[in-house]
Amino acid sequence: MVMRLSKLYGKQIYNTKGYYVGYVDEVLIDIDRGYGKVLALGLPGEKVGIPYDRVTAIGDIILVKAKEE
């Protein structure tokens, strides 16, 4: 699947347990390998990175694997 990175900015992110995580503020890519590395979330007062391998779906929202508890 090919998607413009600009289409990801501002998308809401939820985890697989249905909880709102944040929104996409930045996308970091590995230039040498040509694929996404980290989604940086914009949260009030901070930025948090989510490894791209935790992304399970991209559509109207972005779905990421919930952390195991």
PDB file of N, CA and C in Angstrom:
ATOM      1  N   MET A   1       0.844  -1.180   0.000  1.00  0.00           N
ATOM      2  CA  MET A   1       0.000   0.000   0.000  1.00  0.00           C
ATOM      3  C   MET A   1       0.887   1.242   0.000  1.00  0.00           C
ATOM      4  N   VAL A   2       0.537   2.204  -0.793  1.00  0.00           N
ATOM      5  CA  VAL A   2       1.258   3.469  -0.859  1.00  0.00           C
ATOM      6  C   VAL A   2       0.332   4.569  -0.370  1.00  0.00           C
ATOM      7  N   MET A   3       0.851   5.428   0.503  1.00  0.00           N
ATOM      8  CA  MET A   3       0.054   6.539   1.021  1.00  0.00           C
ATOM      9  C   MET A   3       0.982   7.729   1.232  1.00  0.00           C
ATOM     10  N   ARG A   4       0.506   8.904   0.933  1.00  0.00           N
ATOM     11  CA  ARG A   4       1.279  10.115   1.197  1.00  0.00           C
ATOM     12  C   ARG A   4       1.386  10.304   2.707  1.00  0.00           C
ATOM     13  N   LEU A   5       2.587  10.647   3.165  1.00  0.00           N
ATOM     14  CA  LEU A   5       2.768  10.889   4.593  1.00  0.00           C
ATOM     15  C   LEU A   5       1.888  12.027   5.068  1.00  0.00           C
ATOM     16  N   SER A   6       1.680  13.015   4.227  1.00  0.00           N
ATOM     17  CA  SER A   6       0.859  14.158   4.625  1.00  0.00           C
ATOM     18  C   SER A   6      -0.571  13.739   4.971  1.00  0.00           C
ATOM     19  N   LYS A   7      -1.051  12.629   4.420  1.00  0.00           N
ATOM     20  CA  LYS A   7      -2.398  12.133   4.729  1.00  0.00           C
ATOM     21  C   LYS A   7      -2.493  11.580   6.154  1.00  0.00           C
ATOM     22  N   LEU A   8      -1.346  11.245   6.752  1.00  0.00           N
ATOM     23  CA  LEU A   8      -1.345  10.696   8.103  1.00  0.00           C
ATOM     24  C   LEU A   8      -1.413  11.777   9.177  1.00  0.00           C
ATOM     25  N   TYR A   9      -0.889  12.960   8.875  1.00  0.00           N
ATOM     26  CA  TYR A   9      -0.836  14.025   9.875  1.00  0.00           C
ATOM     27  C   TYR A   9      -2.230  14.387  10.373  1.00  0.00           C
ATOM     28  N   GLY A  10      -2.372  14.428  11.686  1.00  0.00           N
ATOM     29  CA  GLY A  10      -3.633  14.794  12.303  1.00  0.00           C
ATOM     30  C   GLY A  10      -4.604  13.640  12.497  1.00  0.00           C
ATOM     31  N   LYS A  11      -4.327  12.472  11.891  1.00  0.00           N
ATOM     32  CA  LYS A  11      -5.233  11.325  12.082  1.00  0.00           C
ATOM     33  C   LYS A  11      -5.242  10.905  13.544  1.00  0.00           C
ATOM     34  N   GLN A  12      -6.410  10.542  14.017  1.00  0.00           N
ATOM     35  CA  GLN A  12      -6.539  10.057  15.389  1.00  0.00           C
ATOM     36  C   GLN A  12      -6.034   8.627  15.465  1.00  0.00           C
ATOM     37  N   ILE A  13      -5.436   8.303  16.608  1.00  0.00           N
ATOM     38  CA  ILE A  13      -4.890   6.967  16.839  1.00  0.00           C
ATOM     39  C   ILE A  13      -5.616   6.330  18.015  1.00  0.00           C
ATOM     40  N   TYR A  14      -6.093   5.103  17.781  1.00  0.00           N
ATOM     41  CA  TYR A  14      -6.741   4.302  18.820  1.00  0.00           C
ATOM     42  C   TYR A  14      -5.987   2.987  18.937  1.00  0.00           C
ATOM     43  N   ASN A  15      -6.052   2.376  20.137  1.00  0.00           N
ATOM     44  CA  ASN A  15      -5.431   1.060  20.264  1.00  0.00           C
ATOM     45  C   ASN A  15      -6.478  -0.035  20.069  1.00  0.00           C
ATOM     46  N   THR A  16      -6.020  -1.257  20.002  1.00  0.00           N
ATOM     47  CA  THR A  16      -6.914  -2.383  19.711  1.00  0.00           C
ATOM     48  C   THR A  16      -7.887  -2.687  20.854  1.00  0.00           C
ATOM     49  N   LYS A  17      -7.751  -1.992  21.979  1.00  0.00           N
ATOM     50  CA  LYS A  17      -8.720  -2.126  23.065  1.00  0.00           C
ATOM     51  C   LYS A  17      -9.769  -1.015  22.994  1.00  0.00           C
ATOM     52  N   GLY A  18      -9.681  -0.172  21.964  1.00  0.00           N
ATOM     53  CA  GLY A  18     -10.675   0.872  21.762  1.00  0.00           C
ATOM     54  C   GLY A  18     -10.387   2.193  22.441  1.00  0.00           C
ATOM     55  N   TYR A  19      -9.212   2.360  23.017  1.00  0.00           N
ATOM     56  CA  TYR A  19      -8.875   3.597  23.711  1.00  0.00           C
ATOM     57  C   TYR A  19      -8.200   4.591  22.776  1.00  0.00           C
ATOM     58  N   TYR A  20      -8.570   5.862  22.910  1.00  0.00           N
ATOM     59  CA  TYR A  20      -7.934   6.944  22.169  1.00  0.00           C
ATOM     60  C   TYR A  20      -6.520   7.126  22.685  1.00  0.00           C
ATOM     61  N   VAL A  21      -5.549   7.149  21.782  1.00  0.00           N
ATOM     62  CA  VAL A  21      -4.140   7.271  22.156  1.00  0.00           C
ATOM     63  C   VAL A  21      -3.627   8.681  21.905  1.00  0.00           C
ATOM     64  N   GLY A  22      -4.020   9.293  20.812  1.00  0.00           N
ATOM     65  CA  GLY A  22      -3.552  10.632  20.453  1.00  0.00           C
ATOM     66  C   GLY A  22      -3.749  10.836  18.958  1.00  0.00           C
ATOM     67  N   TYR A  23      -2.976  11.757  18.400  1.00  0.00           N
ATOM     68  CA  TYR A  23      -3.057  12.009  16.962  1.00  0.00           C
ATOM     69  C   TYR A  23      -1.647  12.067  16.385  1.00  0.00           C
ATOM     70  N   VAL A  24      -1.541  11.849  15.092  1.00  0.00           N
ATOM     71  CA  VAL A  24      -0.238  11.846  14.434  1.00  0.00           C
ATOM     72  C   VAL A  24       0.245  13.280  14.287  1.00  0.00           C
ATOM     73  N   ASP A  25       1.404  13.553  14.861  1.00  0.00           N
ATOM     74  CA  ASP A  25       2.029  14.866  14.773  1.00  0.00           C
ATOM     75  C   ASP A  25       3.211  14.835  13.807  1.00  0.00           C
ATOM     76  N   GLU A  26       3.926  13.706  13.783  1.00  0.00           N
ATOM     77  CA  GLU A  26       5.079  13.526  12.906  1.00  0.00           C
ATOM     78  C   GLU A  26       5.183  12.064  12.521  1.00  0.00           C
ATOM     79  N   VAL A  27       5.868  11.805  11.417  1.00  0.00           N
ATOM     80  CA  VAL A  27       6.177  10.440  11.003  1.00  0.00           C
ATOM     81  C   VAL A  27       7.670  10.386  10.714  1.00  0.00           C
ATOM     82  N   LEU A  28       8.362   9.485  11.383  1.00  0.00           N
ATOM     83  CA  LEU A  28       9.790   9.311  11.148  1.00  0.00           C
ATOM     84  C   LEU A  28       9.985   8.096  10.262  1.00  0.00           C
ATOM     85  N   ILE A  29      10.805   8.231   9.223  1.00  0.00           N
ATOM     86  CA  ILE A  29      11.028   7.113   8.315  1.00  0.00           C
ATOM     87  C   ILE A  29      12.504   6.755   8.256  1.00  0.00           C
ATOM     88  N   ASP A  30      12.767   5.526   7.933  1.00  0.00           N
ATOM     89  CA  ASP A  30      14.125   5.026   7.727  1.00  0.00           C
ATOM     90  C   ASP A  30      14.433   5.200   6.237  1.00  0.00           C
ATOM     91  N   ILE A  31      15.212   6.201   5.910  1.00  0.00           N
ATOM     92  CA  ILE A  31      15.517   6.521   4.512  1.00  0.00           C
ATOM     93  C   ILE A  31      16.226   5.368   3.820  1.00  0.00           C
ATOM     94  N   ASP A  32      17.145   4.712   4.523  1.00  0.00           N
ATOM     95  CA  ASP A  32      17.904   3.614   3.915  1.00  0.00           C
ATOM     96  C   ASP A  32      17.017   2.442   3.529  1.00  0.00           C
ATOM     97  N   ARG A  33      16.033   2.152   4.347  1.00  0.00           N
ATOM     98  CA  ARG A  33      15.157   1.001   4.089  1.00  0.00           C
ATOM     99  C   ARG A  33      13.840   1.390   3.436  1.00  0.00           C
ATOM    100  N   GLY A  34      13.505   2.682   3.492  1.00  0.00           N
ATOM    101  CA  GLY A  34      12.318   3.182   2.808  1.00  0.00           C
ATOM    102  C   GLY A  34      10.989   2.811   3.433  1.00  0.00           C
ATOM    103  N   TYR A  35      10.939   2.692   4.758  1.00  0.00           N
ATOM    104  CA  TYR A  35       9.647   2.411   5.395  1.00  0.00           C
ATOM    105  C   TYR A  35       9.517   3.163   6.707  1.00  0.00           C
ATOM    106  N   GLY A  36       8.268   3.244   7.196  1.00  0.00           N
ATOM    107  CA  GLY A  36       7.978   3.965   8.423  1.00  0.00           C
ATOM    108  C   GLY A  36       8.686   3.354   9.616  1.00  0.00           C
ATOM    109  N   LYS A  37       9.125   4.204  10.506  1.00  0.00           N
ATOM    110  CA  LYS A  37       9.836   3.769  11.692  1.00  0.00           C
ATOM    111  C   LYS A  37       9.019   4.067  12.957  1.00  0.00           C
ATOM    112  N   VAL A  38       8.561   5.316  13.098  1.00  0.00           N
ATOM    113  CA  VAL A  38       7.860   5.731  14.313  1.00  0.00           C
ATOM    114  C   VAL A  38       6.781   6.744  13.954  1.00  0.00           C
ATOM    115  N   LEU A  39       5.622   6.614  14.582  1.00  0.00           N
ATOM    116  CA  LEU A  39       4.604   7.659  14.549  1.00  0.00           C
ATOM    117  C   LEU A  39       4.782   8.473  15.818  1.00  0.00           C
ATOM    118  N   ALA A  40       4.959   9.773  15.699  1.00  0.00           N
ATOM    119  CA  ALA A  40       5.105  10.625  16.876  1.00  0.00           C
ATOM    120  C   ALA A  40       3.744  11.234  17.182  1.00  0.00           C
ATOM    121  N   LEU A  41       3.281  11.006  18.387  1.00  0.00           N
ATOM    122  CA  LEU A  41       1.968  11.500  18.806  1.00  0.00           C
ATOM    123  C   LEU A  41       2.094  12.868  19.420  1.00  0.00           C
ATOM    124  N   GLY A  42       1.145  13.713  19.096  1.00  0.00           N
ATOM    125  CA  GLY A  42       1.067  14.993  19.768  1.00  0.00           C
ATOM    126  C   GLY A  42       0.100  14.863  20.925  1.00  0.00           C
ATOM    127  N   LEU A  43       0.610  14.975  22.112  1.00  0.00           N
ATOM    128  CA  LEU A  43      -0.231  14.955  23.308  1.00  0.00           C
ATOM    129  C   LEU A  43      -0.016  16.271  24.037  1.00  0.00           C
ATOM    130  N   PRO A  44      -0.943  16.703  24.853  1.00  0.00           N
ATOM    131  CA  PRO A  44      -0.756  17.990  25.542  1.00  0.00           C
ATOM    132  C   PRO A  44       0.574  18.042  26.288  1.00  0.00           C
ATOM    133  N   GLY A  45       1.457  18.922  25.836  1.00  0.00           N
ATOM    134  CA  GLY A  45       2.729  19.142  26.517  1.00  0.00           C
ATOM    135  C   GLY A  45       3.826  18.141  26.229  1.00  0.00           C
ATOM    136  N   GLU A  46       3.604  17.156  25.373  1.00  0.00           N
ATOM    137  CA  GLU A  46       4.649  16.163  25.116  1.00  0.00           C
ATOM    138  C   GLU A  46       4.444  15.466  23.769  1.00  0.00           C
ATOM    139  N   LYS A  47       5.481  14.770  23.343  1.00  0.00           N
ATOM    140  CA  LYS A  47       5.393  13.920  22.154  1.00  0.00           C
ATOM    141  C   LYS A  47       5.830  12.528  22.554  1.00  0.00           C
ATOM    142  N   VAL A  48       5.110  11.534  22.055  1.00  0.00           N
ATOM    143  CA  VAL A  48       5.393  10.141  22.369  1.00  0.00           C
ATOM    144  C   VAL A  48       5.515   9.389  21.059  1.00  0.00           C
ATOM    145  N   GLY A  49       6.477   8.483  20.965  1.00  0.00           N
ATOM    146  CA  GLY A  49       6.653   7.704  19.749  1.00  0.00           C
ATOM    147  C   GLY A  49       6.017   6.335  19.851  1.00  0.00           C
ATOM    148  N   ILE A  50       5.410   5.899  18.761  1.00  0.00           N
ATOM    149  CA  ILE A  50       4.861   4.549  18.660  1.00  0.00           C
ATOM    150  C   ILE A  50       5.593   3.858  17.523  1.00  0.00           C
ATOM    151  N   PRO A  51       6.262   2.726  17.794  1.00  0.00           N
ATOM    152  CA  PRO A  51       6.931   2.001  16.707  1.00  0.00           C
ATOM    153  C   PRO A  51       5.932   1.637  15.608  1.00  0.00           C
ATOM    154  N   TYR A  52       6.332   1.844  14.370  1.00  0.00           N
ATOM    155  CA  TYR A  52       5.432   1.623  13.246  1.00  0.00           C
ATOM    156  C   TYR A  52       4.989   0.166  13.138  1.00  0.00           C
ATOM    157  N   ASP A  53       5.783  -0.765  13.669  1.00  0.00           N
ATOM    158  CA  ASP A  53       5.381  -2.183  13.584  1.00  0.00           C
ATOM    159  C   ASP A  53       4.183  -2.494  14.485  1.00  0.00           C
ATOM    160  N   ARG A  54       3.771  -1.558  15.348  1.00  0.00           N
ATOM    161  CA  ARG A  54       2.563  -1.745  16.166  1.00  0.00           C
ATOM    162  C   ARG A  54       1.299  -1.291  15.439  1.00  0.00           C
ATOM    163  N   VAL A  55       1.457  -0.644  14.277  1.00  0.00           N
ATOM    164  CA  VAL A  55       0.298  -0.191  13.503  1.00  0.00           C
ATOM    165  C   VAL A  55      -0.357  -1.402  12.854  1.00  0.00           C
ATOM    166  N   THR A  56      -1.657  -1.564  13.078  1.00  0.00           N
ATOM    167  CA  THR A  56      -2.365  -2.707  12.501  1.00  0.00           C
ATOM    168  C   THR A  56      -3.284  -2.302  11.357  1.00  0.00           C
ATOM    169  N   ALA A  57      -3.722  -1.032  11.324  1.00  0.00           N
ATOM    170  CA  ALA A  57      -4.606  -0.580  10.242  1.00  0.00           C
ATOM    171  C   ALA A  57      -4.539   0.930  10.110  1.00  0.00           C
ATOM    172  N   ILE A  58      -4.673   1.387   8.876  1.00  0.00           N
ATOM    173  CA  ILE A  58      -4.748   2.818   8.589  1.00  0.00           C
ATOM    174  C   ILE A  58      -5.957   3.045   7.699  1.00  0.00           C
ATOM    175  N   GLY A  59      -6.847   3.891   8.156  1.00  0.00           N
ATOM    176  CA  GLY A  59      -8.050   4.234   7.391  1.00  0.00           C
ATOM    177  C   GLY A  59      -8.481   5.624   7.824  1.00  0.00           C
ATOM    178  N   ASP A  60      -9.737   5.761   8.241  1.00  0.00           N
ATOM    179  CA  ASP A  60     -10.198   7.040   8.781  1.00  0.00           C
ATOM    180  C   ASP A  60      -9.469   7.358  10.086  1.00  0.00           C
ATOM    181  N   ILE A  61      -9.080   6.313  10.790  1.00  0.00           N
ATOM    182  CA  ILE A  61      -8.247   6.422  11.996  1.00  0.00           C
ATOM    183  C   ILE A  61      -7.062   5.486  11.819  1.00  0.00           C
ATOM    184  N   ILE A  62      -6.131   5.548  12.774  1.00  0.00           N
ATOM    185  CA  ILE A  62      -5.008   4.609  12.792  1.00  0.00           C
ATOM    186  C   ILE A  62      -5.188   3.715  14.010  1.00  0.00           C
ATOM    187  N   LEU A  63      -5.058   2.423  13.792  1.00  0.00           N
ATOM    188  CA  LEU A  63      -5.222   1.438  14.862  1.00  0.00           C
ATOM    189  C   LEU A  63      -3.864   0.838  15.184  1.00  0.00           C
ATOM    190  N   VAL A  64      -3.508   0.837  16.480  1.00  0.00           N
ATOM    191  CA  VAL A  64      -2.236   0.267  16.914  1.00  0.00           C
ATOM    192  C   VAL A  64      -2.483  -0.808  17.968  1.00  0.00           C
ATOM    193  N   LYS A  65      -1.587  -1.778  18.026  1.00  0.00           N
ATOM    194  CA  LYS A  65      -1.693  -2.844  19.022  1.00  0.00           C
ATOM    195  C   LYS A  65      -1.609  -2.247  20.418  1.00  0.00           C
ATOM    196  N   ALA A  66      -2.497  -2.675  21.288  1.00  0.00           N
ATOM    197  CA  ALA A  66      -2.465  -2.251  22.678  1.00  0.00           C
ATOM    198  C   ALA A  66      -1.308  -2.945  23.382  1.00  0.00           C
ATOM    199  N   LYS A  67      -0.738  -2.263  24.365  1.00  0.00           N
ATOM    200  CA  LYS A  67       0.325  -2.872  25.152  1.00  0.00           C
ATOM    201  C   LYS A  67      -0.255  -3.991  25.997  1.00  0.00           C
ATOM    202  N   GLU A  68       0.485  -5.066  26.138  1.00  0.00           N
ATOM    203  CA  GLU A  68       0.071  -6.180  27.000  1.00  0.00           C
ATOM    204  C   GLU A  68       0.195  -5.748  28.458  1.00  0.00           C
ATOM    205  N   GLU A  69      -0.776  -6.101  29.254  1.00  0.00           N
ATOM    206  CA  GLU A  69      -0.736  -5.758  30.685  1.00  0.00           C
ATOM    207  C   GLU A  69      -0.672  -6.984  31.520  1.00  0.00           C
TER     208      GLU A  69
END
